[in-house]
Every structure is written in structure tokens, then in C-alpha cells.
């Protein structure tokens, strides 16, 4: 539901199955559980654009898990109160002293909510764990008792937000002064690795980026040659690796949420235990490469988190399926 308009939203638990709103290839809103239109009271839903207007209901406890909500407008969204909208509240619900419904918090876990507008929203107890809230506006929002563990809060605005009881362990904030100061040295490593790649190892050297915060580098990696580079436990959230030659590179344990690898050469890459949620691998090459000893090195995705990761049109070995490359069982699929 990219850039959907959800301002004035009433969020309650109406007994419907969980909802996960998304768009199909034509841009129409599709959902699991209750149709969006069935939860609209007054006005309408413009399915082609994802615009929800008027008084709309999404179940409190709604399963928006992993959804793409970049730019969505939730300003002044409220949890429907029994004393304010009695006609919208199904029987049998319990409310606390603030008029908010008890139980069943809205689930935004691992959502991509870049630039989302949440100003003055009533989101008490919401679960934003692992969500990407880069540039999101939470000013004046009621997020008491919310879970923001592991969330990306870079450039987010929380001015005036009610945050009593909020948990914020391991949140990702803007790069610190140390990371900014290291950017020039890291750029020189990219150049040296690019030289190494294009001279077939005769000049330059492999880059070592282990444990580094790479975000200050911006687009510095774009279309570079980084054969054999290591990025173990690095922070590469949102980075641009499009068209990069990364044969035999290791990203083990790296945070690569929302990173872009479109068209990259990822032969034999190691993504073990990486966070790849919402990353884009479309049109990348995910085949094995042959080492000097004749040993084959296939890509490694074991233990990686891959919620809403895009693998459209990737290049695979003729005898391999995507599930096999990703180490998934036949019955599993990318979430």
C-alpha cells in the first residue's frame, strides 16, 4: 500500500480476520482476510490508487506485518473510542480508562514505512519492531507502550510524541560523527577494490568493510568492482549496490534492510545471517563461481531474514530453483 492516504483512520478490532493490504502488479489493493472496502464506513476506497477516504476501519490487531507503507498518510489516525463513535464499535469490546481498546495491538513489524505520516496518530501499544521508519513523522503521536526495538529511526521526527513505556532497544539512528569521519577512508578502499577487480588481482587490494557503518557513503558503491570484499556485521541499510561486481564477497551478519542489489553480480556471495528485509535483488546473478582450486562456491543465504525481499528475474543455475539457492524447503517461500 505505497503512499496510501489513511488519515483519519479508525483502528479497532472488529472481529475480522487479520488484514495485510498490498498492491498487485496493476496497482490494485489486495488483502488477506477482510477486504479493505468492507471496512470503510462512509465515502469510498479508490482501489487503483490505494486511497482510503472518510471514516475507515482497520482491525486493531491488524496484520500489516512486512507491508510496504512508504509515504502512507496516517496523520490523526485514531483508535475508535466507545464514547466518540459508538455506532462503529462492535459489541463485546473492552476499553481502558483512556478510551483505547484493550488487547490486539496494531502490527507494523518489519514494515517499510519510509516517510510515513503518523503525526498525532493514536498508536498506543503498536508493534513497530524492525520497521523502517526513515523520515517518518511521528510528531505528537501517542505511541505509549509501543515496541520500537530494532526499528530504523533515521531522520524520524518524534517531537511531542507521547513515549511513556516505549521500548527502543537496538534502534538504528543517524550515522554518528565517527562514521562520518571514516567515509573518506572507506571510499579509498572502494577504489582500491575496484582496481583489484578490473586488473584481475594484479593491482589494488580487496576491501575490508567489516563492522563499518557504510551509510555515509551513499552511492559510492554503485557499479564498482568489489570482488572478494568483506562486509561482515556492517551496517548497509538502504545502500545502493546496483550493478556492483560482488563475486565471492561476504556480508555475513550485515544489516542490509532496504539495500538495492538490482543487476549486481552476486556469484558466490555470502549473506549468512543477514537482515535482508525489503532489500531488492531483482535481475541480480545468484549463481556459483569456481575457485582457483576448482571448488564451486554457491551463494549462501542461510539464517538470513528475508521478509518482503525482492528476487524478481534473478539469474540462477539452469538446474536450480530460487528456493534451493535461498536454502528454503520446497514448501517454503520468500515471505
C-alpha atoms as a PDB file:
ATOM      1  CA  UNK A   1       0.000   0.000   0.000  1.00  0.00           C
ATOM      2  CA  UNK A   2       2.633   2.508  -1.078  1.00  0.00           C
ATOM      3  CA  UNK A   3       1.708   6.149  -0.444  1.00  0.00           C
ATOM      4  CA  UNK A   4      -1.861   5.260   0.548  1.00  0.00           C
ATOM      5  CA  UNK A   5      -3.895   8.017   2.228  1.00  0.00           C
ATOM      6  CA  UNK A   6      -5.048   6.724   5.610  1.00  0.00           C
ATOM      7  CA  UNK A   7      -5.529   9.938   7.543  1.00  0.00           C
ATOM      8  CA  UNK A   8      -8.429   9.948   9.984  1.00  0.00           C
ATOM      9  CA  UNK A   9      -8.233   6.170  10.211  1.00  0.00           C
ATOM     10  CA  UNK A  10     -10.148   4.449  12.984  1.00  0.00           C
ATOM     11  CA  UNK A  11      -8.274   1.389  14.182  1.00  0.00           C
ATOM     12  CA  UNK A  12     -10.312  -1.140  16.168  1.00  0.00           C
ATOM     13  CA  UNK A  13     -10.727  -4.881  16.460  1.00  0.00           C
ATOM     14  CA  UNK A  14     -13.991  -5.733  14.782  1.00  0.00           C
ATOM     15  CA  UNK A  15     -13.576  -9.479  14.869  1.00  0.00           C
ATOM     16  CA  UNK A  16     -12.480  -9.727  11.241  1.00  0.00           C
ATOM     17  CA  UNK A  17      -9.541 -11.916  10.226  1.00  0.00           C
ATOM     18  CA  UNK A  18      -6.150 -10.203  10.031  1.00  0.00           C
ATOM     19  CA  UNK A  19      -5.572  -7.827   7.149  1.00  0.00           C
ATOM     20  CA  UNK A  20      -2.393  -7.370   5.146  1.00  0.00           C
ATOM     21  CA  UNK A  21      -3.054  -4.762   2.470  1.00  0.00           C
ATOM     22  CA  UNK A  22      -0.810  -4.767  -0.590  1.00  0.00           C
ATOM     23  CA  UNK A  23      -0.889  -3.839  -4.268  1.00  0.00           C
ATOM     24  CA  UNK A  24      -0.839  -6.272  -7.161  1.00  0.00           C
ATOM     25  CA  UNK A  25       1.026  -5.679 -10.447  1.00  0.00           C
ATOM     26  CA  UNK A  26      -1.715  -3.381 -11.749  1.00  0.00           C
ATOM     27  CA  UNK A  27      -1.694  -1.257  -8.596  1.00  0.00           C
ATOM     28  CA  UNK A  28      -4.990  -2.576  -7.221  1.00  0.00           C
ATOM     29  CA  UNK A  29      -5.200  -3.028  -3.457  1.00  0.00           C
ATOM     30  CA  UNK A  30      -5.283  -6.684  -2.485  1.00  0.00           C
ATOM     31  CA  UNK A  31      -5.538  -8.039   1.016  1.00  0.00           C
ATOM     32  CA  UNK A  32      -5.513 -11.175   3.124  1.00  0.00           C
ATOM     33  CA  UNK A  33      -8.592 -11.515   5.329  1.00  0.00           C
ATOM     34  CA  UNK A  34     -11.211  -8.757   5.249  1.00  0.00           C
ATOM     35  CA  UNK A  35     -11.369  -6.729   2.038  1.00  0.00           C
ATOM     36  CA  UNK A  36     -10.476  -3.081   2.540  1.00  0.00           C
ATOM     37  CA  UNK A  37     -13.810  -1.962   1.105  1.00  0.00           C
ATOM     38  CA  UNK A  38     -15.728  -3.997   3.697  1.00  0.00           C
ATOM     39  CA  UNK A  39     -14.185  -1.918   6.457  1.00  0.00           C
ATOM     40  CA  UNK A  40     -14.974   1.531   5.087  1.00  0.00           C
ATOM     41  CA  UNK A  41     -17.780   3.496   6.717  1.00  0.00           C
ATOM     42  CA  UNK A  42     -18.808   6.409   4.524  1.00  0.00           C
ATOM     43  CA  UNK A  43     -17.137   7.673   1.362  1.00  0.00           C
ATOM     44  CA  UNK A  44     -15.128   5.186  -0.633  1.00  0.00           C
ATOM     45  CA  UNK A  45     -11.938   3.356  -1.446  1.00  0.00           C
ATOM     46  CA  UNK A  46     -10.092   4.160  -4.665  1.00  0.00           C
ATOM     47  CA  UNK A  47      -8.573   0.769  -5.272  1.00  0.00           C
ATOM     48  CA  UNK A  48      -6.409   1.862  -8.186  1.00  0.00           C
ATOM     49  CA  UNK A  49      -4.503   4.370  -6.063  1.00  0.00           C
ATOM     50  CA  UNK A  50      -4.763   2.840  -2.615  1.00  0.00           C
ATOM     51  CA  UNK A  51      -6.553   5.935  -1.298  1.00  0.00           C
ATOM     52  CA  UNK A  52      -8.804   5.383   1.689  1.00  0.00           C
ATOM     53  CA  UNK A  53     -11.028   8.362   2.496  1.00  0.00           C
ATOM     54  CA  UNK A  54     -13.728   9.072   5.010  1.00  0.00           C
ATOM     55  CA  UNK A  55     -14.119   7.092   8.258  1.00  0.00           C
ATOM     56  CA  UNK A  56     -12.282   3.838   7.653  1.00  0.00           C
ATOM     57  CA  UNK A  57     -11.691   0.865   9.902  1.00  0.00           C
ATOM     58  CA  UNK A  58      -8.713  -1.403  10.030  1.00  0.00           C
ATOM     59  CA  UNK A  59      -8.939  -4.028  12.778  1.00  0.00           C
ATOM     60  CA  UNK A  60      -6.938  -3.224  15.883  1.00  0.00           C
ATOM     61  CA  UNK A  61      -4.515  -6.113  15.803  1.00  0.00           C
ATOM     62  CA  UNK A  62      -4.431  -5.743  12.007  1.00  0.00           C
ATOM     63  CA  UNK A  63      -1.718  -7.812  10.388  1.00  0.00           C
ATOM     64  CA  UNK A  64       0.233  -5.212   8.423  1.00  0.00           C
ATOM     65  CA  UNK A  65       3.339  -7.308   9.093  1.00  0.00           C
ATOM     66  CA  UNK A  66       6.001  -6.814   6.374  1.00  0.00           C
ATOM     67  CA  UNK A  67       3.759  -4.497   4.323  1.00  0.00           C
ATOM     68  CA  UNK A  68       5.226  -1.710   2.229  1.00  0.00           C
ATOM     69  CA  UNK A  69       3.713   1.518   3.542  1.00  0.00           C
ATOM     70  CA  UNK A  70       6.262   4.057   2.311  1.00  0.00           C
ATOM     71  CA  UNK A  71       4.776   7.538   2.343  1.00  0.00           C
ATOM     72  CA  UNK A  72       1.433   6.380   3.747  1.00  0.00           C
ATOM     73  CA  UNK A  73      -0.543   9.134   5.476  1.00  0.00           C
ATOM     74  CA  UNK A  74      -1.788   8.145   8.946  1.00  0.00           C
ATOM     75  CA  UNK A  75      -1.988  11.688  10.345  1.00  0.00           C
ATOM     76  CA  UNK A  76      -4.522  11.993  13.164  1.00  0.00           C
ATOM     77  CA  UNK A  77      -5.454   8.322  12.840  1.00  0.00           C
ATOM     78  CA  UNK A  78      -7.263   7.181  15.978  1.00  0.00           C
ATOM     79  CA  UNK A  79      -8.281   4.052  17.767  1.00  0.00           C
ATOM     80  CA  UNK A  80     -12.061   4.358  17.692  1.00  0.00           C
ATOM     81  CA  UNK A  81     -13.393   5.247  21.155  1.00  0.00           C
ATOM     82  CA  UNK A  82     -16.641   3.909  22.530  1.00  0.00           C
ATOM     83  CA  UNK A  83     -17.742   7.345  23.690  1.00  0.00           C
ATOM     84  CA  UNK A  84     -16.889   9.042  20.389  1.00  0.00           C
ATOM     85  CA  UNK A  85     -18.076   6.611  17.724  1.00  0.00           C
ATOM     86  CA  UNK A  86     -20.474   4.180  19.435  1.00  0.00           C
ATOM     87  CA  UNK A  87     -22.034   3.241  16.127  1.00  0.00           C
ATOM     88  CA  UNK A  88     -18.734   1.905  14.825  1.00  0.00           C
ATOM     89  CA  UNK A  89     -17.860  -0.251  17.831  1.00  0.00           C
ATOM     90  CA  UNK A  90     -18.952  -3.904  17.714  1.00  0.00           C
ATOM     91  CA  UNK A  91     -20.359  -5.424  20.874  1.00  0.00           C
ATOM     92  CA  UNK A  92     -18.152  -7.246  23.328  1.00  0.00           C
ATOM     93  CA  UNK A  93     -15.049  -4.989  23.225  1.00  0.00           C
ATOM     94  CA  UNK A  94     -13.316  -3.717  26.353  1.00  0.00           C
ATOM     95  CA  UNK A  95     -11.743  -0.261  26.696  1.00  0.00           C
ATOM     96  CA  UNK A  96      -9.231   1.180  29.153  1.00  0.00           C
ATOM     97  CA  UNK A  97      -9.512   4.413  31.139  1.00  0.00           C
ATOM     98  CA  UNK A  98      -8.243   6.415  28.141  1.00  0.00           C
ATOM     99  CA  UNK A  99     -10.960   5.056  25.875  1.00  0.00           C
ATOM    100  CA  UNK A 100      -8.484   2.906  23.929  1.00  0.00           C
ATOM    101  CA  UNK A 101      -9.369  -0.694  23.279  1.00  0.00           C
ATOM    102  CA  UNK A 102      -7.604  -3.334  25.334  1.00  0.00           C
ATOM    103  CA  UNK A 103      -5.614  -6.053  23.611  1.00  0.00           C
ATOM    104  CA  UNK A 104      -4.633  -6.744  19.998  1.00  0.00           C
ATOM    105  CA  UNK A 105      -2.081  -4.064  19.155  1.00  0.00           C
ATOM    106  CA  UNK A 106      -1.588  -2.968  15.543  1.00  0.00           C
ATOM    107  CA  UNK A 107       1.244  -4.974  13.992  1.00  0.00           C
ATOM    108  CA  UNK A 108       3.738  -2.951  11.943  1.00  0.00           C
ATOM    109  CA  UNK A 109       6.611  -5.415  12.480  1.00  0.00           C
ATOM    110  CA  UNK A 110       9.229  -5.281   9.717  1.00  0.00           C
ATOM    111  CA  UNK A 111       7.103  -2.881   7.654  1.00  0.00           C
ATOM    112  CA  UNK A 112       8.774  -0.424   5.316  1.00  0.00           C
ATOM    113  CA  UNK A 113       7.283   2.928   6.383  1.00  0.00           C
ATOM    114  CA  UNK A 114       9.774   5.340   4.836  1.00  0.00           C
ATOM    115  CA  UNK A 115       8.382   8.876   5.009  1.00  0.00           C
ATOM    116  CA  UNK A 116       5.096   7.720   6.553  1.00  0.00           C
ATOM    117  CA  UNK A 117       2.958  10.465   8.088  1.00  0.00           C
ATOM    118  CA  UNK A 118       1.942   9.440  11.619  1.00  0.00           C
ATOM    119  CA  UNK A 119       1.628  12.884  13.204  1.00  0.00           C
ATOM    120  CA  UNK A 120      -0.887  12.961  16.115  1.00  0.00           C
ATOM    121  CA  UNK A 121      -1.881   9.357  15.450  1.00  0.00           C
ATOM    122  CA  UNK A 122      -3.193   7.218  18.317  1.00  0.00           C
ATOM    123  CA  UNK A 123      -0.970   4.140  18.202  1.00  0.00           C
ATOM    124  CA  UNK A 124      -0.735   3.111  21.830  1.00  0.00           C
ATOM    125  CA  UNK A 125       0.927  -0.287  22.163  1.00  0.00           C
ATOM    126  CA  UNK A 126       1.657  -0.626  18.436  1.00  0.00           C
ATOM    127  CA  UNK A 127       4.440  -3.009  17.419  1.00  0.00           C
ATOM    128  CA  UNK A 128       6.989  -1.275  15.157  1.00  0.00           C
ATOM    129  CA  UNK A 129       9.800  -3.737  15.870  1.00  0.00           C
ATOM    130  CA  UNK A 130      12.181  -3.963  12.926  1.00  0.00           C
ATOM    131  CA  UNK A 131      10.178  -1.414  10.928  1.00  0.00           C
ATOM    132  CA  UNK A 132      11.880   1.098   8.655  1.00  0.00           C
ATOM    133  CA  UNK A 133      10.641   4.500   9.815  1.00  0.00           C
ATOM    134  CA  UNK A 134      13.268   6.540   7.993  1.00  0.00           C
ATOM    135  CA  UNK A 135      11.982  10.090   7.594  1.00  0.00           C
ATOM    136  CA  UNK A 136       8.666   9.209   9.225  1.00  0.00           C
ATOM    137  CA  UNK A 137       6.721  11.926  11.039  1.00  0.00           C
ATOM    138  CA  UNK A 138       5.601  10.761  14.495  1.00  0.00           C
ATOM    139  CA  UNK A 139       5.280  14.258  15.949  1.00  0.00           C
ATOM    140  CA  UNK A 140       2.549  14.454  18.547  1.00  0.00           C
ATOM    141  CA  UNK A 141       1.703  10.763  18.116  1.00  0.00           C
ATOM    142  CA  UNK A 142       0.574   8.648  21.055  1.00  0.00           C
ATOM    143  CA  UNK A 143       2.956   5.690  20.944  1.00  0.00           C
ATOM    144  CA  UNK A 144       2.875   4.854  24.637  1.00  0.00           C
ATOM    145  CA  UNK A 145       3.855   1.243  25.352  1.00  0.00           C
ATOM    146  CA  UNK A 146       4.832   0.777  21.694  1.00  0.00           C
ATOM    147  CA  UNK A 147       7.608  -1.609  20.677  1.00  0.00           C
ATOM    148  CA  UNK A 148      10.297   0.083  18.551  1.00  0.00           C
ATOM    149  CA  UNK A 149      13.019  -2.498  19.145  1.00  0.00           C
ATOM    150  CA  UNK A 150      15.301  -2.760  16.122  1.00  0.00           C
ATOM    151  CA  UNK A 151      13.415  -0.073  14.206  1.00  0.00           C
ATOM    152  CA  UNK A 152      15.128   2.337  11.807  1.00  0.00           C
ATOM    153  CA  UNK A 153      14.560   5.874  13.121  1.00  0.00           C
ATOM    154  CA  UNK A 154      16.938   7.823  10.910  1.00  0.00           C
ATOM    155  CA  UNK A 155      15.651  11.327  10.160  1.00  0.00           C
ATOM    156  CA  UNK A 156      12.417  10.472  12.001  1.00  0.00           C
ATOM    157  CA  UNK A 157      10.526  13.212  13.844  1.00  0.00           C
ATOM    158  CA  UNK A 158       9.277  12.267  17.331  1.00  0.00           C
ATOM    159  CA  UNK A 159       8.836  15.818  18.602  1.00  0.00           C
ATOM    160  CA  UNK A 160       5.984  15.999  21.094  1.00  0.00           C
ATOM    161  CA  UNK A 161       5.235  12.261  20.851  1.00  0.00           C
ATOM    162  CA  UNK A 162       3.927  10.504  23.966  1.00  0.00           C
ATOM    163  CA  UNK A 163       6.556   7.828  24.581  1.00  0.00           C
ATOM    164  CA  UNK A 164       5.909   6.556  28.115  1.00  0.00           C
ATOM    165  CA  UNK A 165       6.613   2.843  28.255  1.00  0.00           C
ATOM    166  CA  UNK A 166       8.132   2.698  24.758  1.00  0.00           C
ATOM    167  CA  UNK A 167      10.886   0.099  24.272  1.00  0.00           C
ATOM    168  CA  UNK A 168      13.665   1.209  21.920  1.00  0.00           C
ATOM    169  CA  UNK A 169      16.429  -1.392  22.112  1.00  0.00           C
ATOM    170  CA  UNK A 170      18.886  -1.607  19.200  1.00  0.00           C
ATOM    171  CA  UNK A 171      17.187   1.135  17.199  1.00  0.00           C
ATOM    172  CA  UNK A 172      19.129   2.469  14.224  1.00  0.00           C
ATOM    173  CA  UNK A 173      19.645   6.218  14.291  1.00  0.00           C
ATOM    174  CA  UNK A 174      21.535   8.624  12.046  1.00  0.00           C
ATOM    175  CA  UNK A 175      25.283   7.921  11.490  1.00  0.00           C
ATOM    176  CA  UNK A 176      27.428   9.365  14.282  1.00  0.00           C
ATOM    177  CA  UNK A 177      30.447  11.661  13.919  1.00  0.00           C
ATOM    178  CA  UNK A 178      32.848   8.716  13.942  1.00  0.00           C
ATOM    179  CA  UNK A 179      31.095   7.079  10.986  1.00  0.00           C
ATOM    180  CA  UNK A 180      31.039  10.343   9.055  1.00  0.00           C
ATOM    181  CA  UNK A 181      34.763  10.869   9.698  1.00  0.00           C
ATOM    182  CA  UNK A 182      35.606   7.416   8.288  1.00  0.00           C
ATOM    183  CA  UNK A 183      33.797   7.934   4.994  1.00  0.00           C
ATOM    184  CA  UNK A 184      36.830   9.181   3.066  1.00  0.00           C
ATOM    185  CA  UNK A 185      38.987   6.214   4.097  1.00  0.00           C
ATOM    186  CA  UNK A 186      36.212   3.813   3.112  1.00  0.00           C
ATOM    187  CA  UNK A 187      35.889   5.467  -0.294  1.00  0.00           C
ATOM    188  CA  UNK A 188      39.599   4.845  -0.879  1.00  0.00           C
ATOM    189  CA  UNK A 189      39.019   1.163  -0.075  1.00  0.00           C
ATOM    190  CA  UNK A 190      36.274   1.034  -2.677  1.00  0.00           C
ATOM    191  CA  UNK A 191      38.640   2.499  -5.274  1.00  0.00           C
ATOM    192  CA  UNK A 192      41.408   0.037  -4.367  1.00  0.00           C
ATOM    193  CA  UNK A 193      38.999  -2.910  -4.617  1.00  0.00           C
ATOM    194  CA  UNK A 194      37.694  -1.642  -7.957  1.00  0.00           C
ATOM    195  CA  UNK A 195      41.269  -1.552  -9.242  1.00  0.00           C
ATOM    196  CA  UNK A 196      41.837  -5.078  -7.899  1.00  0.00           C
ATOM    197  CA  UNK A 197      38.718  -6.329  -9.667  1.00  0.00           C
ATOM    198  CA  UNK A 198      39.446  -4.824 -13.076  1.00  0.00           C
ATOM    199  CA  UNK A 199      43.159  -5.743 -13.025  1.00  0.00           C
ATOM    200  CA  UNK A 200      42.270  -9.341 -12.166  1.00  0.00           C
ATOM    201  CA  UNK A 201      44.114  -9.063  -8.859  1.00  0.00           C
ATOM    202  CA  UNK A 202      47.359  -7.610 -10.242  1.00  0.00           C
ATOM    203  CA  UNK A 203      46.820  -4.175  -8.678  1.00  0.00           C
ATOM    204  CA  UNK A 204      44.895  -2.752  -5.760  1.00  0.00           C
ATOM    205  CA  UNK A 205      43.528  -4.962  -2.980  1.00  0.00           C
ATOM    206  CA  UNK A 206      40.320  -6.426  -1.639  1.00  0.00           C
ATOM    207  CA  UNK A 207      38.260  -4.108   0.507  1.00  0.00           C
ATOM    208  CA  UNK A 208      37.647  -4.785   4.194  1.00  0.00           C
ATOM    209  CA  UNK A 209      34.486  -3.113   5.490  1.00  0.00           C
ATOM    210  CA  UNK A 210      33.785  -5.390   8.467  1.00  0.00           C
ATOM    211  CA  UNK A 211      31.768  -3.748  11.241  1.00  0.00           C
ATOM    212  CA  UNK A 212      31.635  -0.386   9.453  1.00  0.00           C
ATOM    213  CA  UNK A 213      28.666   1.947   9.202  1.00  0.00           C
ATOM    214  CA  UNK A 214      28.537   2.348   5.424  1.00  0.00           C
ATOM    215  CA  UNK A 215      25.545   4.664   5.204  1.00  0.00           C
ATOM    216  CA  UNK A 216      27.591   7.893   4.886  1.00  0.00           C
ATOM    217  CA  UNK A 217      28.978   6.526   1.596  1.00  0.00           C
ATOM    218  CA  UNK A 218      25.661   6.966  -0.202  1.00  0.00           C
ATOM    219  CA  UNK A 219      26.004   5.825  -3.829  1.00  0.00           C
ATOM    220  CA  UNK A 220      29.788   5.307  -3.660  1.00  0.00           C
ATOM    221  CA  UNK A 221      29.449   1.548  -4.283  1.00  0.00           C
ATOM    222  CA  UNK A 222      27.243   1.909  -7.369  1.00  0.00           C
ATOM    223  CA  UNK A 223      28.652  -0.088 -10.331  1.00  0.00           C
ATOM    224  CA  UNK A 224      32.008  -0.670  -8.575  1.00  0.00           C
ATOM    225  CA  UNK A 225      34.093  -3.826  -8.762  1.00  0.00           C
ATOM    226  CA  UNK A 226      34.290  -5.372  -5.289  1.00  0.00           C
ATOM    227  CA  UNK A 227      35.407  -8.938  -5.899  1.00  0.00           C
ATOM    228  CA  UNK A 228      36.229 -10.690  -2.633  1.00  0.00           C
ATOM    229  CA  UNK A 229      35.286  -7.730  -0.395  1.00  0.00           C
ATOM    230  CA  UNK A 230      34.128  -8.412   3.165  1.00  0.00           C
ATOM    231  CA  UNK A 231      31.266  -6.584   4.896  1.00  0.00           C
ATOM    232  CA  UNK A 232      30.798  -8.788   7.971  1.00  0.00           C
ATOM    233  CA  UNK A 233      28.455  -7.227  10.549  1.00  0.00           C
ATOM    234  CA  UNK A 234      28.448  -3.951   8.611  1.00  0.00           C
ATOM    235  CA  UNK A 235      25.523  -1.533   8.504  1.00  0.00           C
ATOM    236  CA  UNK A 236      24.419  -1.111   4.905  1.00  0.00           C
ATOM    237  CA  UNK A 237      20.792  -0.102   5.396  1.00  0.00           C
ATOM    238  CA  UNK A 238      19.375   1.471   2.250  1.00  0.00           C
ATOM    239  CA  UNK A 239      22.682   1.385   0.370  1.00  0.00           C
ATOM    240  CA  UNK A 240      22.950   1.304  -3.404  1.00  0.00           C
ATOM    241  CA  UNK A 241      24.796  -1.812  -4.671  1.00  0.00           C
ATOM    242  CA  UNK A 242      23.108  -1.753  -8.075  1.00  0.00           C
ATOM    243  CA  UNK A 243      25.301  -3.162 -10.821  1.00  0.00           C
ATOM    244  CA  UNK A 244      28.193  -3.881  -8.419  1.00  0.00           C
ATOM    245  CA  UNK A 245      30.512  -6.834  -9.084  1.00  0.00           C
ATOM    246  CA  UNK A 246      30.500  -8.666  -5.750  1.00  0.00           C
ATOM    247  CA  UNK A 247      31.790 -12.094  -6.753  1.00  0.00           C
ATOM    248  CA  UNK A 248      32.830 -14.010  -3.631  1.00  0.00           C
ATOM    249  CA  UNK A 249      32.043 -11.101  -1.293  1.00  0.00           C
ATOM    250  CA  UNK A 250      30.925 -11.795   2.281  1.00  0.00           C
ATOM    251  CA  UNK A 251      28.156  -9.833   4.018  1.00  0.00           C
ATOM    252  CA  UNK A 252      27.777 -12.287   6.896  1.00  0.00           C
ATOM    253  CA  UNK A 253      25.706 -10.774   9.724  1.00  0.00           C
ATOM    254  CA  UNK A 254      25.269  -7.416   7.956  1.00  0.00           C
ATOM    255  CA  UNK A 255      22.186  -5.221   8.239  1.00  0.00           C
ATOM    256  CA  UNK A 256      21.072  -4.705   4.643  1.00  0.00           C
ATOM    257  CA  UNK A 257      17.454  -3.713   5.081  1.00  0.00           C
ATOM    258  CA  UNK A 258      16.129  -1.816   2.045  1.00  0.00           C
ATOM    259  CA  UNK A 259      19.504  -2.171   0.277  1.00  0.00           C
ATOM    260  CA  UNK A 260      19.425  -2.303  -3.529  1.00  0.00           C
ATOM    261  CA  UNK A 261      21.286  -5.022  -5.426  1.00  0.00           C
ATOM    262  CA  UNK A 262      19.472  -4.790  -8.759  1.00  0.00           C
ATOM    263  CA  UNK A 263      21.584  -6.175 -11.580  1.00  0.00           C
ATOM    264  CA  UNK A 264      24.536  -6.935  -9.277  1.00  0.00           C
ATOM    265  CA  UNK A 265      26.902  -9.857  -9.882  1.00  0.00           C
ATOM    266  CA  UNK A 266      26.470 -11.856  -6.675  1.00  0.00           C
ATOM    267  CA  UNK A 267      28.095 -15.116  -7.721  1.00  0.00           C
ATOM    268  CA  UNK A 268      29.178 -16.991  -4.620  1.00  0.00           C
ATOM    269  CA  UNK A 269      28.186 -14.158  -2.239  1.00  0.00           C
ATOM    270  CA  UNK A 270      27.753 -14.933   1.438  1.00  0.00           C
ATOM    271  CA  UNK A 271      24.618 -13.422   3.032  1.00  0.00           C
ATOM    272  CA  UNK A 272      24.566 -15.764   6.030  1.00  0.00           C
ATOM    273  CA  UNK A 273      22.586 -14.348   8.986  1.00  0.00           C
ATOM    274  CA  UNK A 274      21.988 -11.032   7.213  1.00  0.00           C
ATOM    275  CA  UNK A 275      18.918  -8.849   7.650  1.00  0.00           C
ATOM    276  CA  UNK A 276      17.662  -8.527   4.075  1.00  0.00           C
ATOM    277  CA  UNK A 277      14.128  -7.332   4.803  1.00  0.00           C
ATOM    278  CA  UNK A 278      12.750  -5.214   1.928  1.00  0.00           C
ATOM    279  CA  UNK A 279      16.054  -5.459   0.030  1.00  0.00           C
ATOM    280  CA  UNK A 280      15.888  -5.599  -3.776  1.00  0.00           C
ATOM    281  CA  UNK A 281      17.828  -8.336  -5.606  1.00  0.00           C
ATOM    282  CA  UNK A 282      15.901  -8.118  -8.866  1.00  0.00           C
ATOM    283  CA  UNK A 283      17.859  -9.086 -12.005  1.00  0.00           C
ATOM    284  CA  UNK A 284      20.957  -9.934  -9.947  1.00  0.00           C
ATOM    285  CA  UNK A 285      23.067 -13.018 -10.665  1.00  0.00           C
ATOM    286  CA  UNK A 286      22.825 -15.678  -7.960  1.00  0.00           C
ATOM    287  CA  UNK A 287      24.913 -18.457  -9.434  1.00  0.00           C
ATOM    288  CA  UNK A 288      28.010 -20.190  -8.073  1.00  0.00           C
ATOM    289  CA  UNK A 289      31.566 -19.277  -9.021  1.00  0.00           C
ATOM    290  CA  UNK A 290      34.529 -21.618  -9.456  1.00  0.00           C
ATOM    291  CA  UNK A 291      37.535 -21.024  -7.187  1.00  0.00           C
ATOM    292  CA  UNK A 292      41.162 -21.482  -8.195  1.00  0.00           C
ATOM    293  CA  UNK A 293      41.129 -24.999  -6.710  1.00  0.00           C
ATOM    294  CA  UNK A 294      38.136 -25.960  -8.804  1.00  0.00           C
ATOM    295  CA  UNK A 295      35.773 -25.815  -5.827  1.00  0.00           C
ATOM    296  CA  UNK A 296      32.363 -24.291  -6.511  1.00  0.00           C
ATOM    297  CA  UNK A 297      31.058 -21.566  -4.205  1.00  0.00           C
ATOM    298  CA  UNK A 298      27.259 -21.056  -4.379  1.00  0.00           C
ATOM    299  CA  UNK A 299      25.568 -18.039  -2.786  1.00  0.00           C
ATOM    300  CA  UNK A 300      24.780 -18.550   0.901  1.00  0.00           C
ATOM    301  CA  UNK A 301      21.555 -17.187   2.404  1.00  0.00           C
ATOM    302  CA  UNK A 302      21.383 -19.469   5.461  1.00  0.00           C
ATOM    303  CA  UNK A 303      19.884 -17.814   8.521  1.00  0.00           C
ATOM    304  CA  UNK A 304      19.071 -14.599   6.630  1.00  0.00           C
ATOM    305  CA  UNK A 305      15.880 -12.645   7.324  1.00  0.00           C
ATOM    306  CA  UNK A 306      14.126 -12.081   4.002  1.00  0.00           C
ATOM    307  CA  UNK A 307      10.731 -10.505   4.707  1.00  0.00           C
ATOM    308  CA  UNK A 308       9.393  -8.842   1.527  1.00  0.00           C
ATOM    309  CA  UNK A 309      12.764  -9.204  -0.206  1.00  0.00           C
ATOM    310  CA  UNK A 310      12.514  -8.852  -3.986  1.00  0.00           C
ATOM    311  CA  UNK A 311      14.072 -11.617  -6.110  1.00  0.00           C
ATOM    312  CA  UNK A 312      12.287 -10.886  -9.383  1.00  0.00           C
ATOM    313  CA  UNK A 313      14.053 -12.041 -12.568  1.00  0.00           C
ATOM    314  CA  UNK A 314      17.233 -13.195 -10.819  1.00  0.00           C
ATOM    315  CA  UNK A 315      19.732 -15.274 -12.810  1.00  0.00           C
ATOM    316  CA  UNK A 316      20.077 -18.825 -11.480  1.00  0.00           C
ATOM    317  CA  UNK A 317      21.893 -22.016 -12.424  1.00  0.00           C
ATOM    318  CA  UNK A 318      19.928 -23.950 -15.038  1.00  0.00           C
ATOM    319  CA  UNK A 319      19.307 -26.834 -12.630  1.00  0.00           C
ATOM    320  CA  UNK A 320      18.494 -24.705  -9.544  1.00  0.00           C
ATOM    321  CA  UNK A 321      15.313 -23.113  -8.225  1.00  0.00           C
ATOM    322  CA  UNK A 322      15.182 -19.895  -6.219  1.00  0.00           C
ATOM    323  CA  UNK A 323      14.100 -21.813  -3.110  1.00  0.00           C
ATOM    324  CA  UNK A 324      17.153 -24.041  -3.424  1.00  0.00           C
ATOM    325  CA  UNK A 325      19.503 -21.064  -3.817  1.00  0.00           C
ATOM    326  CA  UNK A 326      17.968 -19.388  -0.760  1.00  0.00           C
ATOM    327  CA  UNK A 327      18.140 -22.598   1.260  1.00  0.00           C
ATOM    328  CA  UNK A 328      14.376 -22.844   1.651  1.00  0.00           C
ATOM    329  CA  UNK A 329      12.461 -26.077   1.829  1.00  0.00           C
ATOM    330  CA  UNK A 330      10.180 -26.909  -1.119  1.00  0.00           C
ATOM    331  CA  UNK A 331       7.066 -25.905   0.846  1.00  0.00           C
ATOM    332  CA  UNK A 332       8.574 -22.589   1.929  1.00  0.00           C
ATOM    333  CA  UNK A 333       8.795 -19.351   0.000  1.00  0.00           C
ATOM    334  CA  UNK A 334      10.163 -15.863   0.492  1.00  0.00           C
ATOM    335  CA  UNK A 335       7.808 -14.067   2.896  1.00  0.00           C
END
